[in-house]
Amino acid sequence: MATKLQVLMQRIASLTNEMNKMRTAEAAMIARVIVSLKAQMRKHGITVGHLAGAGASVKVAVKPAAKPAAKPAAKPAAKSAAKPAAKPAAKPAAKSAAKPATKSGKIIGKLPPHDNRLRVKPKYRNIKTGETWAGRGQQPKWMVAQVNAGKKAEDFLIK
């Protein structure tokens, strides 16, 4: 009669064998998925670099689809039966700006669609015209003219 220990040892061996078969099947399935993913990436022109910024807005270079084989040209119908070519549909108006850029939940300004940087809040405002400057880069002409006229940059700070 087999002891409890022998029964447990047989059960462990059986489970280990089953686990190894499952691991082998899983590895084969993963290999098939990877091969499929690589084929899809090649087909759509996606690189690993595109995957790195998957959570961000990423521009993907679109590969043109393969052209179908040319069909033999049909004989033209009689001129009286031919319909005039329809005009192509008008293109929808392009959006003037992308979603507003935010920093700390505050809307700072709108950016063009191709620009994904955040705008910086302006620090200085021209009292006469309302023009603003963030204090970065070269001083605008209105600021230079006012400073040369004897005013201080602090006079234009936005409070």
N, C-alpha and C. Protein backbone atom coordinates (compact mmCIF):
# COMPACT_ATOMS: atom_id res chain seq x y z
N MET A 1 0.84 -1.17 0.00
CA MET A 1 0.00 0.00 0.00
C MET A 1 0.89 1.24 0.00
N ALA A 2 0.55 2.22 -0.86
CA ALA A 2 1.36 3.43 -0.99
C ALA A 2 1.11 4.34 0.20
N THR A 3 2.17 4.93 0.65
CA THR A 3 2.03 5.85 1.77
C THR A 3 1.55 7.21 1.26
N LYS A 4 1.10 8.02 2.19
CA LYS A 4 0.64 9.37 1.82
C LYS A 4 1.75 10.16 1.15
N LEU A 5 2.97 9.95 1.63
CA LEU A 5 4.10 10.67 1.06
C LEU A 5 4.30 10.30 -0.39
N GLN A 6 4.21 9.01 -0.72
CA GLN A 6 4.37 8.56 -2.10
C GLN A 6 3.27 9.12 -3.00
N VAL A 7 2.05 9.18 -2.50
CA VAL A 7 0.92 9.71 -3.26
C VAL A 7 1.15 11.19 -3.54
N LEU A 8 1.60 11.92 -2.53
CA LEU A 8 1.86 13.34 -2.70
C LEU A 8 3.01 13.58 -3.68
N MET A 9 4.03 12.76 -3.62
CA MET A 9 5.17 12.88 -4.53
C MET A 9 4.73 12.64 -5.98
N GLN A 10 3.86 11.63 -6.20
CA GLN A 10 3.34 11.36 -7.53
C GLN A 10 2.50 12.55 -8.03
N ARG A 11 1.70 13.09 -7.13
CA ARG A 11 0.84 14.24 -7.49
C ARG A 11 1.71 15.45 -7.86
N ILE A 12 2.78 15.69 -7.09
CA ILE A 12 3.70 16.80 -7.40
C ILE A 12 4.34 16.59 -8.76
N ALA A 13 4.77 15.38 -9.05
CA ALA A 13 5.39 15.08 -10.34
C ALA A 13 4.39 15.31 -11.47
N SER A 14 3.14 14.89 -11.28
CA SER A 14 2.10 15.06 -12.30
C SER A 14 1.84 16.55 -12.54
N LEU A 15 1.71 17.32 -11.46
CA LEU A 15 1.46 18.76 -11.59
C LEU A 15 2.65 19.48 -12.23
N THR A 16 3.86 19.08 -11.89
CA THR A 16 5.06 19.69 -12.48
C THR A 16 5.09 19.42 -13.98
N ASN A 17 4.76 18.19 -14.37
CA ASN A 17 4.72 17.83 -15.79
C ASN A 17 3.67 18.67 -16.52
N GLU A 18 2.49 18.82 -15.93
CA GLU A 18 1.41 19.62 -16.52
C GLU A 18 1.83 21.09 -16.63
N MET A 19 2.50 21.61 -15.60
CA MET A 19 2.97 22.99 -15.60
C MET A 19 3.98 23.21 -16.73
N ASN A 20 4.90 22.27 -16.91
CA ASN A 20 5.90 22.39 -17.97
C ASN A 20 5.25 22.39 -19.35
N LYS A 21 4.22 21.54 -19.55
CA LYS A 21 3.50 21.52 -20.83
C LYS A 21 2.82 22.87 -21.07
N MET A 22 2.21 23.45 -20.01
CA MET A 22 1.52 24.74 -20.14
C MET A 22 2.51 25.86 -20.45
N ARG A 23 3.68 25.83 -19.82
CA ARG A 23 4.71 26.83 -20.10
C ARG A 23 5.19 26.75 -21.55
N THR A 24 5.37 25.52 -22.05
CA THR A 24 5.80 25.33 -23.43
C THR A 24 4.74 25.86 -24.39
N ALA A 25 3.46 25.56 -24.11
CA ALA A 25 2.37 26.04 -24.96
C ALA A 25 2.30 27.57 -24.91
N GLU A 26 2.49 28.16 -23.74
CA GLU A 26 2.44 29.62 -23.59
C GLU A 26 3.59 30.28 -24.37
N ALA A 27 4.78 29.70 -24.29
CA ALA A 27 5.92 30.25 -25.01
C ALA A 27 5.68 30.19 -26.52
N ALA A 28 5.07 29.10 -27.00
CA ALA A 28 4.77 28.99 -28.43
C ALA A 28 3.74 30.03 -28.84
N MET A 29 2.73 30.25 -27.99
CA MET A 29 1.70 31.24 -28.30
C MET A 29 2.31 32.64 -28.34
N ILE A 30 3.17 32.96 -27.39
CA ILE A 30 3.82 34.27 -27.36
C ILE A 30 4.67 34.46 -28.62
N ALA A 31 5.37 33.42 -29.03
CA ALA A 31 6.19 33.51 -30.24
C ALA A 31 5.31 33.79 -31.47
N ARG A 32 4.15 33.15 -31.56
CA ARG A 32 3.23 33.40 -32.68
C ARG A 32 2.71 34.83 -32.65
N VAL A 33 2.38 35.33 -31.47
CA VAL A 33 1.88 36.70 -31.35
C VAL A 33 2.96 37.70 -31.76
N ILE A 34 4.19 37.46 -31.34
CA ILE A 34 5.29 38.37 -31.69
C ILE A 34 5.50 38.38 -33.20
N VAL A 35 5.47 37.21 -33.83
CA VAL A 35 5.63 37.15 -35.28
C VAL A 35 4.51 37.93 -35.96
N SER A 36 3.29 37.78 -35.47
CA SER A 36 2.14 38.50 -36.03
C SER A 36 2.29 40.01 -35.84
N LEU A 37 2.71 40.43 -34.65
CA LEU A 37 2.90 41.86 -34.38
C LEU A 37 3.97 42.46 -35.29
N LYS A 38 5.08 41.73 -35.48
CA LYS A 38 6.14 42.22 -36.36
C LYS A 38 5.63 42.38 -37.78
N ALA A 39 4.83 41.44 -38.23
CA ALA A 39 4.29 41.52 -39.59
C ALA A 39 3.36 42.73 -39.71
N GLN A 40 2.51 42.96 -38.71
CA GLN A 40 1.60 44.11 -38.73
C GLN A 40 2.38 45.42 -38.68
N MET A 41 3.45 45.47 -37.89
CA MET A 41 4.26 46.68 -37.80
C MET A 41 4.92 46.98 -39.15
N ARG A 42 5.44 45.94 -39.82
CA ARG A 42 6.04 46.14 -41.14
C ARG A 42 4.98 46.62 -42.13
N LYS A 43 3.81 46.01 -42.08
CA LYS A 43 2.73 46.34 -43.00
C LYS A 43 2.32 47.80 -42.86
N HIS A 44 2.26 48.33 -41.63
CA HIS A 44 1.78 49.68 -41.38
C HIS A 44 2.89 50.70 -41.18
N GLY A 45 4.14 50.27 -41.31
CA GLY A 45 5.26 51.20 -41.20
C GLY A 45 5.50 51.70 -39.79
N ILE A 46 5.20 50.90 -38.79
CA ILE A 46 5.38 51.28 -37.39
C ILE A 46 6.73 50.76 -36.92
N THR A 47 7.47 51.62 -36.19
CA THR A 47 8.76 51.22 -35.65
C THR A 47 8.66 51.13 -34.14
N VAL A 48 9.70 50.61 -33.52
CA VAL A 48 9.75 50.53 -32.06
C VAL A 48 9.72 51.94 -31.47
N GLY A 49 10.29 52.91 -32.18
CA GLY A 49 10.27 54.29 -31.73
C GLY A 49 8.85 54.82 -31.60
N HIS A 50 7.96 54.40 -32.48
CA HIS A 50 6.56 54.81 -32.37
C HIS A 50 5.94 54.24 -31.10
N LEU A 51 6.34 53.04 -30.72
CA LEU A 51 5.76 52.40 -29.54
C LEU A 51 6.24 53.05 -28.25
N ALA A 52 7.43 53.65 -28.28
CA ALA A 52 7.98 54.26 -27.07
C ALA A 52 7.10 55.38 -26.56
N GLY A 53 6.48 56.14 -27.44
CA GLY A 53 5.62 57.24 -27.02
C GLY A 53 4.16 56.91 -27.21
N ALA A 54 3.78 55.66 -26.94
CA ALA A 54 2.41 55.24 -27.20
C ALA A 54 1.38 56.05 -26.44
N GLY A 55 1.71 56.55 -25.25
CA GLY A 55 0.75 57.34 -24.49
C GLY A 55 0.68 58.77 -24.96
N ALA A 56 1.68 59.22 -25.68
CA ALA A 56 1.73 60.60 -26.15
C ALA A 56 1.20 60.69 -27.56
N SER A 57 1.04 61.89 -28.01
CA SER A 57 0.60 62.11 -29.37
C SER A 57 1.78 61.83 -30.29
N VAL A 58 1.61 60.87 -31.16
CA VAL A 58 2.70 60.44 -32.02
C VAL A 58 2.25 60.52 -33.46
N LYS A 59 3.07 61.12 -34.30
CA LYS A 59 2.78 61.16 -35.72
C LYS A 59 3.40 59.92 -36.34
N VAL A 60 2.60 59.18 -37.10
CA VAL A 60 3.07 57.96 -37.72
C VAL A 60 3.15 58.20 -39.22
N ALA A 61 4.29 57.85 -39.79
CA ALA A 61 4.45 57.96 -41.24
C ALA A 61 3.61 56.86 -41.87
N VAL A 62 2.63 57.25 -42.66
CA VAL A 62 1.71 56.29 -43.26
C VAL A 62 2.29 55.80 -44.57
N LYS A 63 2.36 54.51 -44.69
CA LYS A 63 2.85 53.88 -45.89
C LYS A 63 1.68 53.78 -46.86
N PRO A 64 1.85 54.20 -48.11
CA PRO A 64 0.74 54.07 -49.05
C PRO A 64 0.40 52.61 -49.28
N ALA A 65 -0.88 52.33 -49.40
CA ALA A 65 -1.33 50.95 -49.61
C ALA A 65 -0.89 50.49 -51.00
N ALA A 66 -0.66 49.21 -51.11
CA ALA A 66 -0.26 48.66 -52.40
C ALA A 66 -1.40 48.84 -53.39
N LYS A 67 -1.07 49.26 -54.60
CA LYS A 67 -2.10 49.48 -55.62
C LYS A 67 -2.55 48.13 -56.16
N PRO A 68 -3.87 47.98 -56.35
CA PRO A 68 -4.35 46.72 -56.92
C PRO A 68 -3.90 46.60 -58.37
N ALA A 69 -3.88 45.38 -58.85
CA ALA A 69 -3.47 45.14 -60.24
C ALA A 69 -4.39 45.89 -61.18
N ALA A 70 -3.82 46.45 -62.23
CA ALA A 70 -4.60 47.24 -63.18
C ALA A 70 -5.55 46.34 -63.94
N LYS A 71 -6.80 46.79 -64.05
CA LYS A 71 -7.80 46.04 -64.80
C LYS A 71 -7.77 46.54 -66.24
N PRO A 72 -8.11 45.70 -67.18
CA PRO A 72 -8.14 46.17 -68.56
C PRO A 72 -9.20 47.26 -68.70
N ALA A 73 -8.87 48.28 -69.46
CA ALA A 73 -9.78 49.41 -69.61
C ALA A 73 -11.01 48.97 -70.40
N ALA A 74 -12.17 49.39 -69.92
CA ALA A 74 -13.42 49.07 -70.61
C ALA A 74 -13.59 50.03 -71.77
N LYS A 75 -14.31 49.61 -72.79
CA LYS A 75 -14.55 50.48 -73.94
C LYS A 75 -15.44 51.62 -73.50
N PRO A 76 -15.12 52.85 -73.90
CA PRO A 76 -15.95 53.97 -73.48
C PRO A 76 -17.34 53.86 -74.08
N ALA A 77 -18.33 54.29 -73.30
CA ALA A 77 -19.72 54.27 -73.75
C ALA A 77 -19.94 55.40 -74.73
N ALA A 78 -21.08 55.40 -75.36
CA ALA A 78 -21.39 56.46 -76.31
C ALA A 78 -21.41 57.79 -75.59
N LYS A 79 -21.05 58.86 -76.32
CA LYS A 79 -20.96 60.18 -75.70
C LYS A 79 -22.29 60.64 -75.12
N SER A 80 -23.37 60.29 -75.70
CA SER A 80 -24.67 60.76 -75.21
C SER A 80 -25.00 60.12 -73.87
N ALA A 81 -24.50 58.92 -73.60
CA ALA A 81 -24.81 58.24 -72.36
C ALA A 81 -23.83 58.60 -71.25
N ALA A 82 -22.72 59.23 -71.61
CA ALA A 82 -21.70 59.54 -70.60
C ALA A 82 -22.20 60.68 -69.71
N LYS A 83 -22.00 60.50 -68.43
CA LYS A 83 -22.39 61.54 -67.46
C LYS A 83 -21.18 62.42 -67.19
N PRO A 84 -21.41 63.71 -66.92
CA PRO A 84 -20.26 64.55 -66.56
C PRO A 84 -19.68 64.10 -65.23
N ALA A 85 -18.39 64.26 -65.11
CA ALA A 85 -17.72 63.84 -63.88
C ALA A 85 -18.21 64.69 -62.71
N ALA A 86 -18.47 64.04 -61.60
CA ALA A 86 -18.93 64.77 -60.41
C ALA A 86 -17.76 65.55 -59.81
N LYS A 87 -18.08 66.70 -59.25
CA LYS A 87 -17.04 67.51 -58.61
C LYS A 87 -16.62 66.83 -57.32
N PRO A 88 -15.34 66.88 -56.99
CA PRO A 88 -14.92 66.27 -55.73
C PRO A 88 -15.51 67.04 -54.56
N ALA A 89 -15.78 66.32 -53.49
CA ALA A 89 -16.36 66.94 -52.30
C ALA A 89 -15.40 67.98 -51.75
N ALA A 90 -15.97 69.06 -51.26
CA ALA A 90 -15.14 70.13 -50.69
C ALA A 90 -14.47 69.63 -49.42
N LYS A 91 -13.23 70.04 -49.24
CA LYS A 91 -12.51 69.64 -48.05
C LYS A 91 -13.07 70.38 -46.85
N PRO A 92 -13.21 69.72 -45.70
CA PRO A 92 -13.69 70.44 -44.52
C PRO A 92 -12.66 71.47 -44.08
N ALA A 93 -13.14 72.54 -43.52
CA ALA A 93 -12.25 73.61 -43.06
C ALA A 93 -11.33 73.07 -41.98
N ALA A 94 -10.06 73.41 -42.08
CA ALA A 94 -9.08 72.95 -41.10
C ALA A 94 -9.33 73.66 -39.78
N LYS A 95 -9.09 72.94 -38.72
CA LYS A 95 -9.24 73.55 -37.40
C LYS A 95 -8.13 74.58 -37.22
N SER A 96 -8.47 75.72 -36.68
CA SER A 96 -7.50 76.80 -36.56
C SER A 96 -6.47 76.52 -35.48
N ALA A 97 -6.84 75.79 -34.47
CA ALA A 97 -5.88 75.52 -33.40
C ALA A 97 -6.20 74.19 -32.74
N ALA A 98 -5.20 73.62 -32.11
CA ALA A 98 -5.37 72.36 -31.41
C ALA A 98 -6.01 72.63 -30.05
N LYS A 99 -6.09 71.58 -29.24
CA LYS A 99 -6.62 71.75 -27.90
C LYS A 99 -5.76 72.75 -27.15
N PRO A 100 -6.37 73.52 -26.24
CA PRO A 100 -5.58 74.49 -25.50
C PRO A 100 -4.50 73.80 -24.68
N ALA A 101 -3.33 74.41 -24.63
CA ALA A 101 -2.24 73.86 -23.84
C ALA A 101 -2.53 74.15 -22.38
N THR A 102 -2.21 73.22 -21.53
CA THR A 102 -2.47 73.44 -20.11
C THR A 102 -1.21 73.20 -19.32
N LYS A 103 -1.13 73.87 -18.19
CA LYS A 103 -0.05 73.68 -17.25
C LYS A 103 -0.67 73.86 -15.89
N SER A 104 -0.62 72.85 -15.08
CA SER A 104 -1.24 72.85 -13.77
C SER A 104 -2.75 73.06 -13.88
N GLY A 105 -3.35 72.57 -14.96
CA GLY A 105 -4.79 72.66 -15.12
C GLY A 105 -5.29 74.00 -15.61
N LYS A 106 -4.42 74.98 -15.85
CA LYS A 106 -4.84 76.30 -16.30
C LYS A 106 -4.61 76.42 -17.80
N ILE A 107 -5.59 76.95 -18.49
CA ILE A 107 -5.43 77.15 -19.93
C ILE A 107 -4.55 78.36 -20.13
N ILE A 108 -3.48 78.18 -20.90
CA ILE A 108 -2.52 79.25 -21.10
C ILE A 108 -2.67 79.85 -22.49
N GLY A 109 -2.93 79.07 -23.48
CA GLY A 109 -3.07 79.59 -24.84
C GLY A 109 -3.29 78.46 -25.81
N LYS A 110 -3.70 78.80 -27.03
CA LYS A 110 -3.92 77.78 -28.04
C LYS A 110 -2.68 77.68 -28.92
N LEU A 111 -2.41 76.47 -29.35
CA LEU A 111 -1.24 76.21 -30.17
C LEU A 111 -1.68 75.70 -31.53
N PRO A 112 -0.87 75.89 -32.55
CA PRO A 112 -1.20 75.30 -33.84
C PRO A 112 -1.18 73.78 -33.74
N PRO A 113 -1.88 73.08 -34.63
CA PRO A 113 -2.01 71.62 -34.53
C PRO A 113 -0.68 70.88 -34.50
N HIS A 114 0.35 71.39 -35.16
CA HIS A 114 1.63 70.67 -35.23
C HIS A 114 2.52 70.95 -34.02
N ASP A 115 2.11 71.84 -33.13
CA ASP A 115 2.96 72.26 -32.01
C ASP A 115 2.43 71.65 -30.72
N ASN A 116 3.21 70.80 -30.06
CA ASN A 116 2.74 70.14 -28.85
C ASN A 116 3.41 70.69 -27.58
N ARG A 117 4.05 71.85 -27.69
CA ARG A 117 4.67 72.45 -26.51
C ARG A 117 3.65 73.27 -25.73
N LEU A 118 3.94 73.51 -24.47
CA LEU A 118 3.07 74.34 -23.65
C LEU A 118 3.49 75.79 -23.79
N ARG A 119 2.50 76.67 -23.82
CA ARG A 119 2.78 78.09 -23.86
C ARG A 119 3.13 78.57 -22.46
N VAL A 120 3.95 79.61 -22.39
CA VAL A 120 4.35 80.19 -21.11
C VAL A 120 3.47 81.41 -20.87
N LYS A 121 3.05 81.59 -19.63
CA LYS A 121 2.23 82.75 -19.29
C LYS A 121 3.03 84.02 -19.54
N PRO A 122 2.39 85.06 -20.09
CA PRO A 122 3.11 86.31 -20.29
C PRO A 122 3.38 87.00 -18.95
N LYS A 123 4.53 87.67 -18.86
CA LYS A 123 4.89 88.41 -17.64
C LYS A 123 4.75 89.91 -17.83
N TYR A 124 4.88 90.37 -19.07
CA TYR A 124 4.86 91.79 -19.36
C TYR A 124 3.76 92.11 -20.37
N ARG A 125 3.11 93.26 -20.20
CA ARG A 125 2.06 93.69 -21.13
C ARG A 125 2.29 95.14 -21.53
N ASN A 126 2.19 95.41 -22.82
CA ASN A 126 2.28 96.77 -23.32
C ASN A 126 0.96 97.46 -22.97
N ILE A 127 1.02 98.51 -22.18
CA ILE A 127 -0.18 99.19 -21.70
C ILE A 127 -0.97 99.79 -22.86
N LYS A 128 -0.28 100.28 -23.87
CA LYS A 128 -0.95 100.96 -24.99
C LYS A 128 -1.64 99.98 -25.94
N THR A 129 -0.96 98.90 -26.32
CA THR A 129 -1.50 98.00 -27.34
C THR A 129 -2.02 96.68 -26.80
N GLY A 130 -1.64 96.32 -25.59
CA GLY A 130 -2.07 95.04 -25.04
C GLY A 130 -1.19 93.87 -25.43
N GLU A 131 -0.12 94.13 -26.19
CA GLU A 131 0.80 93.06 -26.58
C GLU A 131 1.46 92.52 -25.31
N THR A 132 1.81 91.23 -25.34
CA THR A 132 2.43 90.61 -24.17
C THR A 132 3.75 89.97 -24.54
N TRP A 133 4.56 89.72 -23.49
CA TRP A 133 5.84 89.06 -23.64
C TRP A 133 6.07 88.21 -22.41
N ALA A 134 6.54 86.99 -22.58
CA ALA A 134 6.74 86.06 -21.48
C ALA A 134 8.05 86.28 -20.75
N GLY A 135 8.91 87.16 -21.26
CA GLY A 135 10.18 87.40 -20.61
C GLY A 135 11.27 86.45 -21.08
N ARG A 136 10.97 85.68 -22.10
CA ARG A 136 11.96 84.75 -22.64
C ARG A 136 12.40 85.22 -24.02
N GLY A 137 13.63 84.98 -24.32
CA GLY A 137 14.14 85.35 -25.63
C GLY A 137 14.40 86.85 -25.73
N GLN A 138 14.52 87.32 -26.96
CA GLN A 138 14.83 88.73 -27.21
C GLN A 138 13.63 89.61 -26.82
N GLN A 139 13.93 90.78 -26.26
CA GLN A 139 12.86 91.70 -25.90
C GLN A 139 12.14 92.17 -27.15
N PRO A 140 10.82 92.30 -27.08
CA PRO A 140 10.10 92.79 -28.25
C PRO A 140 10.40 94.27 -28.48
N LYS A 141 10.13 94.73 -29.70
CA LYS A 141 10.46 96.11 -30.07
C LYS A 141 9.74 97.11 -29.19
N TRP A 142 8.49 96.84 -28.83
CA TRP A 142 7.76 97.80 -27.99
C TRP A 142 8.41 97.94 -26.62
N MET A 143 8.95 96.85 -26.09
CA MET A 143 9.61 96.89 -24.78
C MET A 143 10.93 97.66 -24.88
N VAL A 144 11.71 97.39 -25.93
CA VAL A 144 12.98 98.09 -26.12
C VAL A 144 12.74 99.58 -26.25
N ALA A 145 11.73 99.96 -27.02
CA ALA A 145 11.44 101.39 -27.22
C ALA A 145 11.04 102.06 -25.91
N GLN A 146 10.25 101.38 -25.10
CA GLN A 146 9.81 101.97 -23.83
C GLN A 146 10.97 102.08 -22.84
N VAL A 147 11.84 101.05 -22.80
CA VAL A 147 12.99 101.09 -21.89
C VAL A 147 13.96 102.19 -22.33
N ASN A 148 14.15 102.34 -23.64
CA ASN A 148 15.02 103.41 -24.15
C ASN A 148 14.43 104.79 -23.86
N ALA A 149 13.11 104.87 -23.73
CA ALA A 149 12.44 106.14 -23.43
C ALA A 149 12.51 106.48 -21.95
N GLY A 150 13.08 105.58 -21.13
CA GLY A 150 13.27 105.88 -19.73
C GLY A 150 12.39 105.08 -18.78
N LYS A 151 11.49 104.25 -19.28
CA LYS A 151 10.64 103.44 -18.40
C LYS A 151 11.41 102.20 -17.98
N LYS A 152 10.96 101.57 -16.90
CA LYS A 152 11.57 100.33 -16.41
C LYS A 152 10.72 99.14 -16.85
N ALA A 153 11.37 97.99 -17.01
CA ALA A 153 10.64 96.79 -17.40
C ALA A 153 9.60 96.42 -16.35
N GLU A 154 9.88 96.73 -15.08
CA GLU A 154 8.94 96.41 -14.01
C GLU A 154 7.62 97.17 -14.16
N ASP A 155 7.63 98.29 -14.88
CA ASP A 155 6.40 99.07 -15.09
C ASP A 155 5.40 98.28 -15.93
N PHE A 156 5.87 97.28 -16.68
CA PHE A 156 5.00 96.53 -17.58
C PHE A 156 4.63 95.14 -17.04
N LEU A 157 5.06 94.84 -15.82
CA LEU A 157 4.76 93.52 -15.24
C LEU A 157 3.25 93.35 -15.11
N ILE A 158 2.80 92.14 -15.43
CA ILE A 158 1.39 91.81 -15.26
C ILE A 158 1.19 91.37 -13.82
N LYS A 159 0.24 92.01 -13.17
CA LYS A 159 0.03 91.71 -11.73
C LYS A 159 -1.11 90.74 -11.53
